[in-house]
Amino acid sequence: MLPPDFRWHAVGTAPFDRPNSLLLDSTEVVRLFQRVDDGTWWATLNNHREHLSHRTTRRCSSYAQGRTGVELWASRHQDRLRTEVDQRIKKALEGKSFPTR
């Protein structure tokens, strides 16, 4: 279901059977997380963007539904995500800092 070059990875305290970070070229584009206070699942989208205002947070009804929704979102936005991640990597390789606006 995932487009080529995208892969799930477990980060933080996530168990390996529940990977929570979607990577493209080793750059995180989405993170799934479960709140401690009420157990709800959330997804933050566009995590490769520097500014929090350029990211989006969505509530998920469960881990499985969140993962499915993230994979559908990544499929729909894969061209844009590839372009933005490529630009980010290119800037890093040129020795320029990432935008901080």
N, C-alpha and C. Protein backbone atom coordinates (compact mmCIF):
# COMPACT_ATOMS: atom_id res chain seq x y z
N MET A 1 0.82 -1.19 0.00
CA MET A 1 0.00 0.00 0.00
C MET A 1 0.87 1.26 0.00
N LEU A 2 2.05 1.17 0.61
CA LEU A 2 2.93 2.34 0.64
C LEU A 2 3.60 2.54 -0.71
N PRO A 3 3.79 3.81 -1.10
CA PRO A 3 4.54 4.06 -2.33
C PRO A 3 5.99 3.60 -2.17
N PRO A 4 6.69 3.36 -3.28
CA PRO A 4 8.10 2.98 -3.20
C PRO A 4 8.90 4.04 -2.45
N ASP A 5 9.93 3.64 -1.76
CA ASP A 5 10.85 4.50 -1.01
C ASP A 5 10.31 4.94 0.35
N PHE A 6 9.06 4.68 0.66
CA PHE A 6 8.51 5.00 1.98
C PHE A 6 8.63 3.75 2.84
N ARG A 7 8.92 3.94 4.15
CA ARG A 7 8.99 2.77 5.03
C ARG A 7 8.64 3.17 6.45
N TRP A 8 8.09 2.22 7.18
CA TRP A 8 7.76 2.43 8.59
C TRP A 8 8.97 2.10 9.45
N HIS A 9 9.10 2.81 10.57
CA HIS A 9 10.21 2.61 11.48
C HIS A 9 9.71 2.89 12.90
N ALA A 10 10.15 2.10 13.85
CA ALA A 10 9.78 2.34 15.25
C ALA A 10 10.80 3.28 15.89
N VAL A 11 10.31 4.38 16.46
CA VAL A 11 11.18 5.33 17.15
C VAL A 11 10.67 5.56 18.56
N GLY A 12 11.55 6.06 19.41
CA GLY A 12 11.16 6.33 20.80
C GLY A 12 10.85 5.04 21.53
N THR A 13 9.76 5.03 22.24
CA THR A 13 9.38 3.86 23.03
C THR A 13 8.43 2.94 22.29
N ALA A 14 8.24 3.17 20.99
CA ALA A 14 7.32 2.32 20.21
C ALA A 14 7.86 0.91 20.11
N PRO A 15 7.00 -0.07 20.34
CA PRO A 15 7.45 -1.46 20.15
C PRO A 15 7.67 -1.73 18.66
N PHE A 16 8.56 -2.66 18.35
CA PHE A 16 8.90 -2.94 16.96
C PHE A 16 7.72 -3.46 16.15
N ASP A 17 6.73 -4.04 16.81
CA ASP A 17 5.56 -4.52 16.07
C ASP A 17 4.56 -3.39 15.81
N ARG A 18 4.84 -2.18 16.30
CA ARG A 18 3.99 -1.02 16.06
C ARG A 18 4.85 0.17 15.64
N PRO A 19 5.44 0.12 14.45
CA PRO A 19 6.25 1.24 14.02
C PRO A 19 5.41 2.51 13.93
N ASN A 20 6.00 3.63 14.32
CA ASN A 20 5.22 4.86 14.44
C ASN A 20 5.76 6.03 13.63
N SER A 21 6.79 5.80 12.85
CA SER A 21 7.39 6.88 12.07
C SER A 21 7.45 6.46 10.60
N LEU A 22 6.87 7.27 9.72
CA LEU A 22 6.94 6.99 8.29
C LEU A 22 8.07 7.81 7.69
N LEU A 23 9.01 7.11 7.07
CA LEU A 23 10.21 7.74 6.53
C LEU A 23 10.22 7.72 5.01
N LEU A 24 10.79 8.77 4.45
CA LEU A 24 11.10 8.84 3.03
C LEU A 24 12.55 9.29 2.94
N ASP A 25 13.40 8.46 2.36
CA ASP A 25 14.84 8.76 2.29
C ASP A 25 15.41 9.12 3.66
N SER A 26 15.06 8.35 4.67
CA SER A 26 15.51 8.54 6.05
C SER A 26 15.04 9.85 6.68
N THR A 27 14.05 10.48 6.10
CA THR A 27 13.47 11.72 6.63
C THR A 27 12.05 11.42 7.08
N GLU A 28 11.76 11.75 8.34
CA GLU A 28 10.41 11.50 8.86
C GLU A 28 9.42 12.47 8.24
N VAL A 29 8.34 11.92 7.66
CA VAL A 29 7.28 12.75 7.12
C VAL A 29 6.01 12.65 7.95
N VAL A 30 5.85 11.56 8.70
CA VAL A 30 4.67 11.37 9.56
C VAL A 30 5.09 10.65 10.83
N ARG A 31 4.43 11.02 11.94
CA ARG A 31 4.62 10.30 13.21
C ARG A 31 3.25 9.98 13.78
N LEU A 32 3.06 8.73 14.15
CA LEU A 32 1.87 8.31 14.90
C LEU A 32 2.25 8.29 16.38
N PHE A 33 1.35 8.77 17.22
CA PHE A 33 1.64 8.71 18.66
C PHE A 33 0.33 8.52 19.43
N GLN A 34 0.47 7.91 20.61
CA GLN A 34 -0.67 7.66 21.49
C GLN A 34 -0.53 8.54 22.72
N ARG A 35 -1.58 9.27 23.02
CA ARG A 35 -1.56 10.13 24.20
C ARG A 35 -1.60 9.29 25.47
N VAL A 36 -0.87 9.73 26.47
CA VAL A 36 -0.81 9.00 27.73
C VAL A 36 -2.07 9.21 28.55
N ASP A 37 -2.63 10.43 28.52
CA ASP A 37 -3.76 10.74 29.39
C ASP A 37 -5.06 10.05 29.00
N ASP A 38 -5.34 9.92 27.69
CA ASP A 38 -6.61 9.31 27.31
C ASP A 38 -6.48 8.15 26.32
N GLY A 39 -5.25 7.82 25.91
CA GLY A 39 -5.02 6.67 25.04
C GLY A 39 -5.38 6.88 23.58
N THR A 40 -5.76 8.09 23.20
CA THR A 40 -6.12 8.33 21.80
C THR A 40 -4.89 8.35 20.90
N TRP A 41 -5.09 7.96 19.65
CA TRP A 41 -4.01 7.96 18.66
C TRP A 41 -4.11 9.20 17.80
N TRP A 42 -2.96 9.75 17.44
CA TRP A 42 -2.86 10.96 16.62
C TRP A 42 -1.77 10.76 15.58
N ALA A 43 -1.89 11.49 14.48
CA ALA A 43 -0.86 11.50 13.44
C ALA A 43 -0.45 12.94 13.18
N THR A 44 0.84 13.19 13.15
CA THR A 44 1.34 14.50 12.71
C THR A 44 1.90 14.30 11.30
N LEU A 45 1.41 15.11 10.39
CA LEU A 45 1.76 15.03 8.98
C LEU A 45 2.73 16.15 8.61
N ASN A 46 3.51 15.93 7.60
CA ASN A 46 4.48 16.92 7.11
C ASN A 46 5.56 17.22 8.13
N ASN A 47 6.04 16.22 8.84
CA ASN A 47 7.06 16.42 9.87
C ASN A 47 8.41 16.83 9.31
N HIS A 48 8.61 16.71 8.03
CA HIS A 48 9.86 17.15 7.41
C HIS A 48 9.93 18.67 7.32
N ARG A 49 8.82 19.34 7.52
CA ARG A 49 8.80 20.80 7.49
C ARG A 49 9.27 21.33 8.84
N GLU A 50 10.06 22.38 8.78
CA GLU A 50 10.68 22.92 9.98
C GLU A 50 9.69 23.54 10.95
N HIS A 51 8.73 24.27 10.47
CA HIS A 51 7.85 25.03 11.33
C HIS A 51 6.59 24.25 11.70
N LEU A 52 6.25 24.30 12.96
CA LEU A 52 5.07 23.60 13.43
C LEU A 52 3.81 24.06 12.72
N SER A 53 3.77 25.33 12.32
CA SER A 53 2.57 25.85 11.65
C SER A 53 2.37 25.22 10.27
N HIS A 54 3.38 24.57 9.73
CA HIS A 54 3.28 23.92 8.42
C HIS A 54 2.98 22.43 8.54
N ARG A 55 2.80 21.99 9.77
CA ARG A 55 2.47 20.58 10.02
C ARG A 55 0.99 20.49 10.36
N THR A 56 0.45 19.28 10.22
CA THR A 56 -0.97 19.05 10.49
C THR A 56 -1.09 17.89 11.45
N THR A 57 -2.00 17.99 12.40
CA THR A 57 -2.25 16.91 13.35
C THR A 57 -3.67 16.40 13.15
N ARG A 58 -3.81 15.09 13.08
CA ARG A 58 -5.13 14.48 12.89
C ARG A 58 -5.34 13.38 13.92
N ARG A 59 -6.55 13.31 14.46
CA ARG A 59 -6.92 12.25 15.40
C ARG A 59 -7.21 10.97 14.64
N CYS A 60 -6.82 9.85 15.20
CA CYS A 60 -7.05 8.53 14.59
C CYS A 60 -7.92 7.71 15.55
N SER A 61 -8.79 6.90 15.01
CA SER A 61 -9.67 6.10 15.88
C SER A 61 -8.93 4.93 16.52
N SER A 62 -7.79 4.52 15.93
CA SER A 62 -6.97 3.45 16.49
C SER A 62 -5.61 3.49 15.80
N TYR A 63 -4.67 2.69 16.29
CA TYR A 63 -3.36 2.59 15.64
C TYR A 63 -3.53 2.08 14.21
N ALA A 64 -4.31 1.02 14.05
CA ALA A 64 -4.48 0.41 12.72
C ALA A 64 -5.11 1.39 11.74
N GLN A 65 -6.14 2.10 12.18
CA GLN A 65 -6.79 3.07 11.30
C GLN A 65 -5.87 4.24 11.00
N GLY A 66 -5.09 4.65 11.99
CA GLY A 66 -4.12 5.72 11.76
C GLY A 66 -3.08 5.33 10.74
N ARG A 67 -2.58 4.13 10.86
CA ARG A 67 -1.56 3.64 9.91
C ARG A 67 -2.14 3.56 8.49
N THR A 68 -3.36 3.05 8.38
CA THR A 68 -4.01 2.97 7.07
C THR A 68 -4.23 4.36 6.48
N GLY A 69 -4.70 5.30 7.30
CA GLY A 69 -4.92 6.66 6.84
C GLY A 69 -3.63 7.34 6.41
N VAL A 70 -2.57 7.12 7.16
CA VAL A 70 -1.26 7.69 6.83
C VAL A 70 -0.77 7.15 5.49
N GLU A 71 -0.94 5.87 5.28
CA GLU A 71 -0.48 5.28 4.01
C GLU A 71 -1.28 5.82 2.83
N LEU A 72 -2.58 6.03 3.00
CA LEU A 72 -3.38 6.63 1.94
C LEU A 72 -2.94 8.07 1.69
N TRP A 73 -2.70 8.82 2.77
CA TRP A 73 -2.24 10.20 2.65
C TRP A 73 -0.90 10.25 1.92
N ALA A 74 0.03 9.37 2.29
CA ALA A 74 1.35 9.35 1.64
C ALA A 74 1.22 9.03 0.16
N SER A 75 0.31 8.14 -0.19
CA SER A 75 0.10 7.82 -1.60
C SER A 75 -0.40 9.03 -2.37
N ARG A 76 -1.35 9.75 -1.79
CA ARG A 76 -1.91 10.93 -2.46
C ARG A 76 -0.89 12.06 -2.58
N HIS A 77 -0.02 12.20 -1.61
CA HIS A 77 0.91 13.34 -1.56
C HIS A 77 2.35 12.98 -1.91
N GLN A 78 2.57 11.78 -2.44
CA GLN A 78 3.93 11.30 -2.64
C GLN A 78 4.77 12.20 -3.55
N ASP A 79 4.21 12.77 -4.59
CA ASP A 79 5.00 13.64 -5.48
C ASP A 79 5.50 14.88 -4.73
N ARG A 80 4.59 15.52 -3.99
CA ARG A 80 4.97 16.71 -3.21
C ARG A 80 5.98 16.35 -2.13
N LEU A 81 5.75 15.25 -1.44
CA LEU A 81 6.66 14.83 -0.38
C LEU A 81 8.05 14.55 -0.93
N ARG A 82 8.12 13.87 -2.06
CA ARG A 82 9.42 13.58 -2.67
C ARG A 82 10.15 14.88 -3.03
N THR A 83 9.42 15.82 -3.61
CA THR A 83 10.03 17.11 -3.99
C THR A 83 10.55 17.84 -2.77
N GLU A 84 9.74 17.94 -1.71
CA GLU A 84 10.15 18.68 -0.51
C GLU A 84 11.31 18.00 0.21
N VAL A 85 11.27 16.68 0.32
CA VAL A 85 12.36 15.96 0.98
C VAL A 85 13.64 16.07 0.16
N ASP A 86 13.52 15.96 -1.17
CA ASP A 86 14.71 16.13 -2.03
C ASP A 86 15.32 17.51 -1.86
N GLN A 87 14.48 18.55 -1.78
CA GLN A 87 14.98 19.92 -1.57
C GLN A 87 15.68 20.04 -0.22
N ARG A 88 15.12 19.43 0.78
CA ARG A 88 15.71 19.46 2.12
C ARG A 88 17.08 18.79 2.13
N ILE A 89 17.17 17.63 1.49
CA ILE A 89 18.44 16.90 1.43
C ILE A 89 19.46 17.70 0.61
N LYS A 90 19.03 18.27 -0.49
CA LYS A 90 19.92 19.06 -1.33
C LYS A 90 20.51 20.24 -0.56
N LYS A 91 19.68 20.93 0.21
CA LYS A 91 20.16 22.06 1.02
C LYS A 91 21.17 21.59 2.06
N ALA A 92 20.90 20.42 2.66
CA ALA A 92 21.82 19.90 3.67
C ALA A 92 23.16 19.55 3.04
N LEU A 93 23.13 18.99 1.85
CA LEU A 93 24.37 18.61 1.17
C LEU A 93 25.15 19.83 0.69
N GLU A 94 24.47 20.92 0.42
CA GLU A 94 25.12 22.16 0.00
C GLU A 94 25.71 22.92 1.19
N GLY A 95 25.43 22.43 2.38
CA GLY A 95 25.95 23.09 3.57
C GLY A 95 25.13 24.27 4.04
N LYS A 96 23.96 24.46 3.43
CA LYS A 96 23.09 25.56 3.84
C LYS A 96 22.19 25.07 4.97
N SER A 97 21.89 25.98 5.86
CA SER A 97 20.97 25.61 6.94
C SER A 97 19.56 25.56 6.37
N PHE A 98 18.70 24.84 7.07
CA PHE A 98 17.31 24.74 6.67
C PHE A 98 16.60 26.04 6.99
N PRO A 99 15.53 26.36 6.26
CA PRO A 99 14.79 27.60 6.53
C PRO A 99 14.28 27.65 7.97
N THR A 100 14.30 28.81 8.55
CA THR A 100 13.82 28.96 9.95
C THR A 100 12.68 29.95 10.06
N ARG A 101 12.04 30.27 9.00
CA ARG A 101 10.92 31.22 9.03
C ARG A 101 9.73 30.67 9.75
